[in-house]
Amino acid sequence: LAPELELLRDQNFAKRVLSGEPYWEDVFKELSRAVPGTVYLTELNFENGALALEGVIVSAENERVLSDFMLALEKGIFKNVQLVSSKDIQGMSKSTFELKGGFD
């Protein structure tokens, strides 16, 4: 059979497609491409069709880094990336953030 038909025979693949779950290999590849060196992800959750990311930015330019990171995510498979929260850590060039978004 053609490779495409073999994928359809794979029950796990069919469940992911039907459930709206992303193809995790693509998610991790995209994250490794988009996460800059000054961003450290601390948590990743997938719930109700949305991906939630939490992390720390270590930079004096936290807002620019976060904005650039969100734009980089949207250039790939992530869509409607939204800032849930952002908080500066006093006395340090660090901030924490939480983002949510969907998939293409």
PDB file of N, CA and C in Angstrom:
ATOM      1  N   LEU A   1       0.825  -1.192   0.000  1.00  0.00           N
ATOM      2  CA  LEU A   1       0.000   0.000   0.000  1.00  0.00           C
ATOM      3  C   LEU A   1       0.870   1.255   0.000  1.00  0.00           C
ATOM      4  N   ALA A   2       0.287   2.330  -0.479  1.00  0.00           N
ATOM      5  CA  ALA A   2       0.968   3.617  -0.455  1.00  0.00           C
ATOM      6  C   ALA A   2       1.170   4.061   0.985  1.00  0.00           C
ATOM      7  N   PRO A   3       2.236   4.842   1.262  1.00  0.00           N
ATOM      8  CA  PRO A   3       2.489   5.305   2.640  1.00  0.00           C
ATOM      9  C   PRO A   3       1.297   6.041   3.252  1.00  0.00           C
ATOM     10  N   GLU A   4       0.568   6.780   2.442  1.00  0.00           N
ATOM     11  CA  GLU A   4      -0.581   7.526   2.959  1.00  0.00           C
ATOM     12  C   GLU A   4      -1.673   6.578   3.449  1.00  0.00           C
ATOM     13  N   LEU A   5      -1.865   5.486   2.710  1.00  0.00           N
ATOM     14  CA  LEU A   5      -2.868   4.504   3.109  1.00  0.00           C
ATOM     15  C   LEU A   5      -2.426   3.740   4.350  1.00  0.00           C
ATOM     16  N   GLU A   6      -1.131   3.500   4.476  1.00  0.00           N
ATOM     17  CA  GLU A   6      -0.622   2.830   5.678  1.00  0.00           C
ATOM     18  C   GLU A   6      -0.897   3.694   6.908  1.00  0.00           C
ATOM     19  N   LEU A   7      -0.744   5.015   6.780  1.00  0.00           N
ATOM     20  CA  LEU A   7      -1.039   5.908   7.899  1.00  0.00           C
ATOM     21  C   LEU A   7      -2.500   5.790   8.325  1.00  0.00           C
ATOM     22  N   LEU A   8      -3.396   5.673   7.366  1.00  0.00           N
ATOM     23  CA  LEU A   8      -4.813   5.568   7.682  1.00  0.00           C
ATOM     24  C   LEU A   8      -5.130   4.267   8.413  1.00  0.00           C
ATOM     25  N   ARG A   9      -4.346   3.234   8.166  1.00  0.00           N
ATOM     26  CA  ARG A   9      -4.552   1.959   8.845  1.00  0.00           C
ATOM     27  C   ARG A   9      -4.066   2.002  10.285  1.00  0.00           C
ATOM     28  N   ASP A  10      -3.175   2.934  10.592  1.00  0.00           N
ATOM     29  CA  ASP A  10      -2.639   3.093  11.937  1.00  0.00           C
ATOM     30  C   ASP A  10      -3.730   3.691  12.824  1.00  0.00           C
ATOM     31  N   GLN A  11      -4.225   2.948  13.794  1.00  0.00           N
ATOM     32  CA  GLN A  11      -5.329   3.409  14.642  1.00  0.00           C
ATOM     33  C   GLN A  11      -4.954   4.630  15.457  1.00  0.00           C
ATOM     34  N   ASN A  12      -3.722   4.700  15.941  1.00  0.00           N
ATOM     35  CA  ASN A  12      -3.306   5.868  16.723  1.00  0.00           C
ATOM     36  C   ASN A  12      -3.346   7.126  15.873  1.00  0.00           C
ATOM     37  N   PHE A  13      -2.901   7.024  14.636  1.00  0.00           N
ATOM     38  CA  PHE A  13      -2.943   8.175  13.732  1.00  0.00           C
ATOM     39  C   PHE A  13      -4.389   8.612  13.524  1.00  0.00           C
ATOM     40  N   ALA A  14      -5.266   7.656  13.272  1.00  0.00           N
ATOM     41  CA  ALA A  14      -6.676   7.985  13.045  1.00  0.00           C
ATOM     42  C   ALA A  14      -7.285   8.639  14.282  1.00  0.00           C
ATOM     43  N   LYS A  15      -6.958   8.154  15.471  1.00  0.00           N
ATOM     44  CA  LYS A  15      -7.486   8.754  16.698  1.00  0.00           C
ATOM     45  C   LYS A  15      -7.010  10.191  16.853  1.00  0.00           C
ATOM     46  N   ARG A  16      -5.720  10.449  16.545  1.00  0.00           N
ATOM     47  CA  ARG A  16      -5.188  11.816  16.663  1.00  0.00           C
ATOM     48  C   ARG A  16      -5.899  12.745  15.705  1.00  0.00           C
ATOM     49  N   VAL A  17      -6.092  12.302  14.480  1.00  0.00           N
ATOM     50  CA  VAL A  17      -6.745  13.142  13.480  1.00  0.00           C
ATOM     51  C   VAL A  17      -8.179  13.429  13.892  1.00  0.00           C
ATOM     52  N   LEU A  18      -8.889  12.400  14.312  1.00  0.00           N
ATOM     53  CA  LEU A  18     -10.294  12.565  14.675  1.00  0.00           C
ATOM     54  C   LEU A  18     -10.477  13.334  15.975  1.00  0.00           C
ATOM     55  N   SER A  19      -9.538  13.250  16.882  1.00  0.00           N
ATOM     56  CA  SER A  19      -9.673  13.934  18.170  1.00  0.00           C
ATOM     57  C   SER A  19      -9.155  15.363  18.119  1.00  0.00           C
ATOM     58  N   GLY A  20      -8.525  15.743  17.015  1.00  0.00           N
ATOM     59  CA  GLY A  20      -7.976  17.091  16.918  1.00  0.00           C
ATOM     60  C   GLY A  20      -6.647  17.238  17.633  1.00  0.00           C
ATOM     61  N   GLU A  21      -6.057  16.126  18.043  1.00  0.00           N
ATOM     62  CA  GLU A  21      -4.767  16.176  18.726  1.00  0.00           C
ATOM     63  C   GLU A  21      -3.664  16.432  17.707  1.00  0.00           C
ATOM     64  N   PRO A  22      -2.714  17.270  18.046  1.00  0.00           N
ATOM     65  CA  PRO A  22      -1.642  17.582  17.100  1.00  0.00           C
ATOM     66  C   PRO A  22      -0.694  16.405  16.922  1.00  0.00           C
ATOM     67  N   TYR A  23       0.062  16.460  15.878  1.00  0.00           N
ATOM     68  CA  TYR A  23       1.122  15.489  15.648  1.00  0.00           C
ATOM     69  C   TYR A  23       2.316  15.979  16.458  1.00  0.00           C
ATOM     70  N   TRP A  24       2.609  15.317  17.569  1.00  0.00           N
ATOM     71  CA  TRP A  24       3.555  15.836  18.556  1.00  0.00           C
ATOM     72  C   TRP A  24       4.968  15.999  18.021  1.00  0.00           C
ATOM     73  N   GLU A  25       5.368  15.181  17.088  1.00  0.00           N
ATOM     74  CA  GLU A  25       6.712  15.351  16.513  1.00  0.00           C
ATOM     75  C   GLU A  25       6.823  16.726  15.864  1.00  0.00           C
ATOM     76  N   ASP A  26       5.778  17.148  15.144  1.00  0.00           N
ATOM     77  CA  ASP A  26       5.777  18.478  14.530  1.00  0.00           C
ATOM     78  C   ASP A  26       5.770  19.582  15.579  1.00  0.00           C
ATOM     79  N   VAL A  27       5.022  19.384  16.655  1.00  0.00           N
ATOM     80  CA  VAL A  27       4.952  20.385  17.726  1.00  0.00           C
ATOM     81  C   VAL A  27       6.337  20.607  18.323  1.00  0.00           C
ATOM     82  N   PHE A  28       7.030  19.524  18.655  1.00  0.00           N
ATOM     83  CA  PHE A  28       8.342  19.653  19.280  1.00  0.00           C
ATOM     84  C   PHE A  28       9.382  20.209  18.325  1.00  0.00           C
ATOM     85  N   LYS A  29       9.320  19.837  17.066  1.00  0.00           N
ATOM     86  CA  LYS A  29      10.233  20.420  16.072  1.00  0.00           C
ATOM     87  C   LYS A  29      10.013  21.913  15.955  1.00  0.00           C
ATOM     88  N   GLU A  30       8.753  22.309  15.907  1.00  0.00           N
ATOM     89  CA  GLU A  30       8.422  23.729  15.773  1.00  0.00           C
ATOM     90  C   GLU A  30       8.861  24.517  17.000  1.00  0.00           C
ATOM     91  N   LEU A  31       8.654  23.962  18.176  1.00  0.00           N
ATOM     92  CA  LEU A  31       9.098  24.637  19.395  1.00  0.00           C
ATOM     93  C   LEU A  31      10.612  24.784  19.420  1.00  0.00           C
ATOM     94  N   SER A  32      11.320  23.752  19.026  1.00  0.00           N
ATOM     95  CA  SER A  32      12.787  23.841  19.037  1.00  0.00           C
ATOM     96  C   SER A  32      13.284  24.885  18.049  1.00  0.00           C
ATOM     97  N   ARG A  33      12.539  25.125  16.986  1.00  0.00           N
ATOM     98  CA  ARG A  33      12.901  26.146  16.014  1.00  0.00           C
ATOM     99  C   ARG A  33      12.578  27.542  16.529  1.00  0.00           C
ATOM    100  N   ALA A  34      11.454  27.689  17.220  1.00  0.00           N
ATOM    101  CA  ALA A  34      10.944  29.015  17.570  1.00  0.00           C
ATOM    102  C   ALA A  34      11.459  29.565  18.899  1.00  0.00           C
ATOM    103  N   VAL A  35      11.839  28.698  19.823  1.00  0.00           N
ATOM    104  CA  VAL A  35      12.246  29.168  21.154  1.00  0.00           C
ATOM    105  C   VAL A  35      13.644  29.785  21.086  1.00  0.00           C
ATOM    106  N   PRO A  36      13.751  31.086  21.405  1.00  0.00           N
ATOM    107  CA  PRO A  36      15.074  31.722  21.373  1.00  0.00           C
ATOM    108  C   PRO A  36      15.921  31.303  22.571  1.00  0.00           C
ATOM    109  N   GLY A  37      17.197  31.601  22.525  1.00  0.00           N
ATOM    110  CA  GLY A  37      18.133  31.198  23.571  1.00  0.00           C
ATOM    111  C   GLY A  37      17.866  31.827  24.923  1.00  0.00           C
ATOM    112  N   THR A  38      17.115  32.915  24.967  1.00  0.00           N
ATOM    113  CA  THR A  38      16.832  33.586  26.236  1.00  0.00           C
ATOM    114  C   THR A  38      15.485  33.167  26.825  1.00  0.00           C
ATOM    115  N   VAL A  39      14.822  32.180  26.208  1.00  0.00           N
ATOM    116  CA  VAL A  39      13.532  31.690  26.695  1.00  0.00           C
ATOM    117  C   VAL A  39      13.693  30.236  27.132  1.00  0.00           C
ATOM    118  N   TYR A  40      13.179  29.948  28.319  1.00  0.00           N
ATOM    119  CA  TYR A  40      13.215  28.594  28.864  1.00  0.00           C
ATOM    120  C   TYR A  40      11.787  28.162  29.164  1.00  0.00           C
ATOM    121  N   LEU A  41      11.338  27.120  28.500  1.00  0.00           N
ATOM    122  CA  LEU A  41       9.987  26.611  28.751  1.00  0.00           C
ATOM    123  C   LEU A  41       9.997  25.778  30.024  1.00  0.00           C
ATOM    124  N   THR A  42       9.019  26.031  30.879  1.00  0.00           N
ATOM    125  CA  THR A  42       8.930  25.311  32.146  1.00  0.00           C
ATOM    126  C   THR A  42       7.739  24.368  32.194  1.00  0.00           C
ATOM    127  N   GLU A  43       6.749  24.617  31.329  1.00  0.00           N
ATOM    128  CA  GLU A  43       5.566  23.764  31.328  1.00  0.00           C
ATOM    129  C   GLU A  43       4.898  23.798  29.966  1.00  0.00           C
ATOM    130  N   LEU A  44       4.370  22.646  29.563  1.00  0.00           N
ATOM    131  CA  LEU A  44       3.645  22.505  28.317  1.00  0.00           C
ATOM    132  C   LEU A  44       2.421  21.648  28.599  1.00  0.00           C
ATOM    133  N   ASN A  45       1.236  22.163  28.293  1.00  0.00           N
ATOM    134  CA  ASN A  45      -0.007  21.425  28.506  1.00  0.00           C
ATOM    135  C   ASN A  45      -0.845  21.469  27.240  1.00  0.00           C
ATOM    136  N   PHE A  46      -1.601  20.404  27.011  1.00  0.00           N
ATOM    137  CA  PHE A  46      -2.533  20.358  25.894  1.00  0.00           C
ATOM    138  C   PHE A  46      -3.889  19.983  26.459  1.00  0.00           C
ATOM    139  N   GLU A  47      -4.860  20.897  26.295  1.00  0.00           N
ATOM    140  CA  GLU A  47      -6.178  20.647  26.839  1.00  0.00           C
ATOM    141  C   GLU A  47      -7.221  21.353  25.982  1.00  0.00           C
ATOM    142  N   ASN A  48      -8.304  20.655  25.699  1.00  0.00           N
ATOM    143  CA  ASN A  48      -9.409  21.211  24.911  1.00  0.00           C
ATOM    144  C   ASN A  48      -8.945  21.788  23.573  1.00  0.00           C
ATOM    145  N   GLY A  49      -8.010  21.111  22.943  1.00  0.00           N
ATOM    146  CA  GLY A  49      -7.547  21.533  21.626  1.00  0.00           C
ATOM    147  C   GLY A  49      -6.596  22.715  21.627  1.00  0.00           C
ATOM    148  N   ALA A  50      -6.158  23.160  22.795  1.00  0.00           N
ATOM    149  CA  ALA A  50      -5.251  24.305  22.877  1.00  0.00           C
ATOM    150  C   ALA A  50      -3.974  23.903  23.610  1.00  0.00           C
ATOM    151  N   LEU A  51      -2.880  24.494  23.169  1.00  0.00           N
ATOM    152  CA  LEU A  51      -1.591  24.268  23.801  1.00  0.00           C
ATOM    153  C   LEU A  51      -1.293  25.445  24.718  1.00  0.00           C
ATOM    154  N   ALA A  52      -0.891  25.160  25.941  1.00  0.00           N
ATOM    155  CA  ALA A  52      -0.497  26.196  26.893  1.00  0.00           C
ATOM    156  C   ALA A  52       0.991  26.034  27.166  1.00  0.00           C
ATOM    157  N   LEU A  53       1.711  27.133  27.063  1.00  0.00           N
ATOM    158  CA  LEU A  53       3.146  27.151  27.329  1.00  0.00           C
ATOM    159  C   LEU A  53       3.414  28.106  28.472  1.00  0.00           C
ATOM    160  N   GLU A  54       4.267  27.703  29.393  1.00  0.00           N
ATOM    161  CA  GLU A  54       4.736  28.593  30.447  1.00  0.00           C
ATOM    162  C   GLU A  54       6.252  28.591  30.389  1.00  0.00           C
ATOM    163  N   GLY A  55       6.839  29.731  30.756  1.00  0.00           N
ATOM    164  CA  GLY A  55       8.278  29.790  30.714  1.00  0.00           C
ATOM    165  C   GLY A  55       8.842  31.027  31.370  1.00  0.00           C
ATOM    166  N   VAL A  56      10.160  31.144  31.233  1.00  0.00           N
ATOM    167  CA  VAL A  56      10.921  32.248  31.804  1.00  0.00           C
ATOM    168  C   VAL A  56      11.732  32.885  30.688  1.00  0.00           C
ATOM    169  N   ILE A  57      11.774  34.205  30.697  1.00  0.00           N
ATOM    170  CA  ILE A  57      12.617  34.952  29.758  1.00  0.00           C
ATOM    171  C   ILE A  57      13.745  35.569  30.574  1.00  0.00           C
ATOM    172  N   VAL A  58      14.982  35.354  30.150  1.00  0.00           N
ATOM    173  CA  VAL A  58      16.138  35.925  30.817  1.00  0.00           C
ATOM    174  C   VAL A  58      16.746  36.942  29.858  1.00  0.00           C
ATOM    175  N   SER A  59      16.287  38.180  29.991  1.00  0.00           N
ATOM    176  CA  SER A  59      16.738  39.246  29.106  1.00  0.00           C
ATOM    177  C   SER A  59      16.289  40.582  29.670  1.00  0.00           C
ATOM    178  N   ALA A  60      17.073  41.617  29.414  1.00  0.00           N
ATOM    179  CA  ALA A  60      16.672  42.974  29.807  1.00  0.00           C
ATOM    180  C   ALA A  60      15.554  43.479  28.900  1.00  0.00           C
ATOM    181  N   GLU A  61      15.363  42.826  27.755  1.00  0.00           N
ATOM    182  CA  GLU A  61      14.335  43.215  26.784  1.00  0.00           C
ATOM    183  C   GLU A  61      13.216  42.176  26.760  1.00  0.00           C
ATOM    184  N   ASN A  62      12.631  41.900  27.921  1.00  0.00           N
ATOM    185  CA  ASN A  62      11.627  40.843  28.057  1.00  0.00           C
ATOM    186  C   ASN A  62      10.454  41.003  27.097  1.00  0.00           C
ATOM    187  N   GLU A  63       9.922  42.212  26.985  1.00  0.00           N
ATOM    188  CA  GLU A  63       8.746  42.429  26.138  1.00  0.00           C
ATOM    189  C   GLU A  63       9.045  42.153  24.674  1.00  0.00           C
ATOM    190  N   ARG A  64      10.202  42.614  24.191  1.00  0.00           N
ATOM    191  CA  ARG A  64      10.560  42.386  22.788  1.00  0.00           C
ATOM    192  C   ARG A  64      10.782  40.898  22.531  1.00  0.00           C
ATOM    193  N   VAL A  65      11.472  40.236  23.446  1.00  0.00           N
ATOM    194  CA  VAL A  65      11.740  38.797  23.293  1.00  0.00           C
ATOM    195  C   VAL A  65      10.429  38.023  23.253  1.00  0.00           C
ATOM    196  N   LEU A  66       9.500  38.353  24.150  1.00  0.00           N
ATOM    197  CA  LEU A  66       8.213  37.655  24.186  1.00  0.00           C
ATOM    198  C   LEU A  66       7.415  37.905  22.913  1.00  0.00           C
ATOM    199  N   SER A  67       7.395  39.147  22.461  1.00  0.00           N
ATOM    200  CA  SER A  67       6.677  39.481  21.226  1.00  0.00           C
ATOM    201  C   SER A  67       7.266  38.741  20.031  1.00  0.00           C
ATOM    202  N   ASP A  68       8.587  38.737  19.925  1.00  0.00           N
ATOM    203  CA  ASP A  68       9.250  38.024  18.820  1.00  0.00           C
ATOM    204  C   ASP A  68       8.976  36.523  18.894  1.00  0.00           C
ATOM    205  N   PHE A  69       8.953  35.972  20.097  1.00  0.00           N
ATOM    206  CA  PHE A  69       8.684  34.550  20.286  1.00  0.00           C
ATOM    207  C   PHE A  69       7.266  34.208  19.827  1.00  0.00           C
ATOM    208  N   MET A  70       6.305  35.033  20.208  1.00  0.00           N
ATOM    209  CA  MET A  70       4.920  34.795  19.798  1.00  0.00           C
ATOM    210  C   MET A  70       4.783  34.867  18.276  1.00  0.00           C
ATOM    211  N   LEU A  71       5.448  35.827  17.651  1.00  0.00           N
ATOM    212  CA  LEU A  71       5.407  35.937  16.186  1.00  0.00           C
ATOM    213  C   LEU A  71       6.058  34.720  15.533  1.00  0.00           C
ATOM    214  N   ALA A  72       7.164  34.247  16.092  1.00  0.00           N
ATOM    215  CA  ALA A  72       7.842  33.065  15.544  1.00  0.00           C
ATOM    216  C   ALA A  72       6.950  31.839  15.634  1.00  0.00           C
ATOM    217  N   LEU A  73       6.206  31.698  16.734  1.00  0.00           N
ATOM    218  CA  LEU A  73       5.290  30.569  16.866  1.00  0.00           C
ATOM    219  C   LEU A  73       4.208  30.616  15.795  1.00  0.00           C
ATOM    220  N   GLU A  74       3.674  31.806  15.532  1.00  0.00           N
ATOM    221  CA  GLU A  74       2.586  31.941  14.557  1.00  0.00           C
ATOM    222  C   GLU A  74       3.052  31.784  13.108  1.00  0.00           C
ATOM    223  N   LYS A  75       4.338  31.890  12.862  1.00  0.00           N
ATOM    224  CA  LYS A  75       4.855  31.667  11.504  1.00  0.00           C
ATOM    225  C   LYS A  75       4.857  30.184  11.151  1.00  0.00           C
ATOM    226  N   GLY A  76       4.711  29.334  12.158  1.00  0.00           N
ATOM    227  CA  GLY A  76       4.723  27.890  11.947  1.00  0.00           C
ATOM    228  C   GLY A  76       3.336  27.298  12.070  1.00  0.00           C
ATOM    229  N   ILE A  77       3.238  26.224  12.833  1.00  0.00           N
ATOM    230  CA  ILE A  77       1.973  25.479  12.939  1.00  0.00           C
ATOM    231  C   ILE A  77       1.031  26.044  13.992  1.00  0.00           C
ATOM    232  N   PHE A  78       1.490  26.970  14.802  1.00  0.00           N
ATOM    233  CA  PHE A  78       0.659  27.525  15.873  1.00  0.00           C
ATOM    234  C   PHE A  78      -0.157  28.698  15.354  1.00  0.00           C
ATOM    235  N   LYS A  79      -1.399  28.776  15.808  1.00  0.00           N
ATOM    236  CA  LYS A  79      -2.303  29.845  15.377  1.00  0.00           C
ATOM    237  C   LYS A  79      -2.956  30.476  16.596  1.00  0.00           C
ATOM    238  N   ASN A  80      -3.293  31.757  16.469  1.00  0.00           N
ATOM    239  CA  ASN A  80      -3.990  32.486  17.541  1.00  0.00           C
ATOM    240  C   ASN A  80      -3.246  32.402  18.868  1.00  0.00           C
ATOM    241  N   VAL A  81      -1.937  32.624  18.821  1.00  0.00           N
ATOM    242  CA  VAL A  81      -1.141  32.610  20.046  1.00  0.00           C
ATOM    243  C   VAL A  81      -1.488  33.862  20.857  1.00  0.00           C
ATOM    244  N   GLN A  82      -1.893  33.651  22.096  1.00  0.00           N
ATOM    245  CA  GLN A  82      -2.321  34.748  22.959  1.00  0.00           C
ATOM    246  C   GLN A  82      -1.537  34.742  24.261  1.00  0.00           C
ATOM    247  N   LEU A  83      -1.242  35.936  24.736  1.00  0.00           N
ATOM    248  CA  LEU A  83      -0.586  36.097  26.023  1.00  0.00           C
ATOM    249  C   LEU A  83      -1.634  35.979  27.120  1.00  0.00           C
ATOM    250  N   VAL A  84      -1.452  35.020  28.022  1.00  0.00           N
ATOM    251  CA  VAL A  84      -2.358  34.836  29.148  1.00  0.00           C
ATOM    252  C   VAL A  84      -1.872  35.680  30.322  1.00  0.00           C
ATOM    253  N   SER A  85      -0.560  35.623  30.579  1.00  0.00           N
ATOM    254  CA  SER A  85       0.006  36.423  31.664  1.00  0.00           C
ATOM    255  C   SER A  85       1.495  36.622  31.440  1.00  0.00           C
ATOM    256  N   SER A  86       2.003  37.684  32.044  1.00  0.00           N
ATOM    257  CA  SER A  86       3.428  37.993  32.024  1.00  0.00           C
ATOM    258  C   SER A  86       3.743  38.749  33.301  1.00  0.00           C
ATOM    259  N   LYS A  87       4.830  38.387  33.956  1.00  0.00           N
ATOM    260  CA  LYS A  87       5.170  39.030  35.214  1.00  0.00           C
ATOM    261  C   LYS A  87       6.682  39.182  35.324  1.00  0.00           C
ATOM    262  N   ASP A  88       7.125  40.422  35.564  1.00  0.00           N
ATOM    263  CA  ASP A  88       8.550  40.667  35.782  1.00  0.00           C
ATOM    264  C   ASP A  88       8.956  40.150  37.154  1.00  0.00           C
ATOM    265  N   ILE A  89      10.162  39.630  37.232  1.00  0.00           N
ATOM    266  CA  ILE A  89      10.718  39.192  38.510  1.00  0.00           C
ATOM    267  C   ILE A  89      11.578  40.339  39.023  1.00  0.00           C
ATOM    268  N   GLN A  90      11.186  40.917  40.146  1.00  0.00           N
ATOM    269  CA  GLN A  90      11.852  42.107  40.665  1.00  0.00           C
ATOM    270  C   GLN A  90      13.322  41.853  40.953  1.00  0.00           C
ATOM    271  N   GLY A  91      14.128  42.874  40.624  1.00  0.00           N
ATOM    272  CA  GLY A  91      15.548  42.822  40.911  1.00  0.00           C
ATOM    273  C   GLY A  91      16.352  41.980  39.941  1.00  0.00           C
ATOM    274  N   MET A  92      15.703  41.456  38.909  1.00  0.00           N
ATOM    275  CA  MET A  92      16.406  40.610  37.932  1.00  0.00           C
ATOM    276  C   MET A  92      15.929  40.970  36.537  1.00  0.00           C
ATOM    277  N   SER A  93      16.718  40.624  35.561  1.00  0.00           N
ATOM    278  CA  SER A  93      16.304  40.793  34.164  1.00  0.00           C
ATOM    279  C   SER A  93      15.605  39.523  33.711  1.00  0.00           C
ATOM    280  N   LYS A  94      14.521  39.184  34.405  1.00  0.00           N
ATOM    281  CA  LYS A  94      13.762  37.971  34.121  1.00  0.00           C
ATOM    282  C   LYS A  94      12.276  38.278  34.192  1.00  0.00           C
ATOM    283  N   SER A  95      11.511  37.494  33.467  1.00  0.00           N
ATOM    284  CA  SER A  95      10.064  37.541  33.601  1.00  0.00           C
ATOM    285  C   SER A  95       9.505  36.154  33.313  1.00  0.00           C
ATOM    286  N   THR A  96       8.322  35.904  33.837  1.00  0.00           N
ATOM    287  CA  THR A  96       7.622  34.658  33.551  1.00  0.00           C
ATOM    288  C   THR A  96       6.478  34.977  32.598  1.00  0.00           C
ATOM    289  N   PHE A  97       6.029  33.968  31.872  1.00  0.00           N
ATOM    290  CA  PHE A  97       4.925  34.176  30.934  1.00  0.00           C
ATOM    291  C   PHE A  97       4.115  32.912  30.790  1.00  0.00           C
ATOM    292  N   GLU A  98       2.892  33.097  30.298  1.00  0.00           N
ATOM    293  CA  GLU A  98       2.032  31.981  29.914  1.00  0.00           C
ATOM    294  C   GLU A  98       1.367  32.350  28.604  1.00  0.00           C
ATOM    295  N   LEU A  99       1.424  31.442  27.629  1.00  0.00           N
ATOM    296  CA  LEU A  99       0.812  31.624  26.320  1.00  0.00           C
ATOM    297  C   LEU A  99      -0.156  30.486  26.064  1.00  0.00           C
ATOM    298  N   LYS A 100      -1.167  30.768  25.236  1.00  0.00           N
ATOM    299  CA  LYS A 100      -2.078  29.732  24.760  1.00  0.00           C
ATOM    300  C   LYS A 100      -2.265  29.904  23.266  1.00  0.00           C
ATOM    301  N   GLY A 101      -2.484  28.801  22.584  1.00  0.00           N
ATOM    302  CA  GLY A 101      -2.721  28.880  21.161  1.00  0.00           C
ATOM    303  C   GLY A 101      -3.221  27.564  20.600  1.00  0.00           C
ATOM    304  N   GLY A 102      -3.686  27.647  19.367  1.00  0.00           N
ATOM    305  CA  GLY A 102      -4.167  26.466  18.668  1.00  0.00           C
ATOM    306  C   GLY A 102      -3.176  26.027  17.605  1.00  0.00           C
ATOM    307  N   PHE A 103      -3.648  25.149  16.730  1.00  0.00           N
ATOM    308  CA  PHE A 103      -2.801  24.573  15.694  1.00  0.00           C
ATOM    309  C   PHE A 103      -3.422  24.790  14.332  1.00  0.00           C
ATOM    310  N   ASP A 104      -2.576  24.772  13.325  1.00  0.00           N
ATOM    311  CA  ASP A 104      -3.023  24.876  11.946  1.00  0.00           C
ATOM    312  C   ASP A 104      -3.510  23.520  11.480  1.00  0.00           C
TER     313      ASP A 104
END
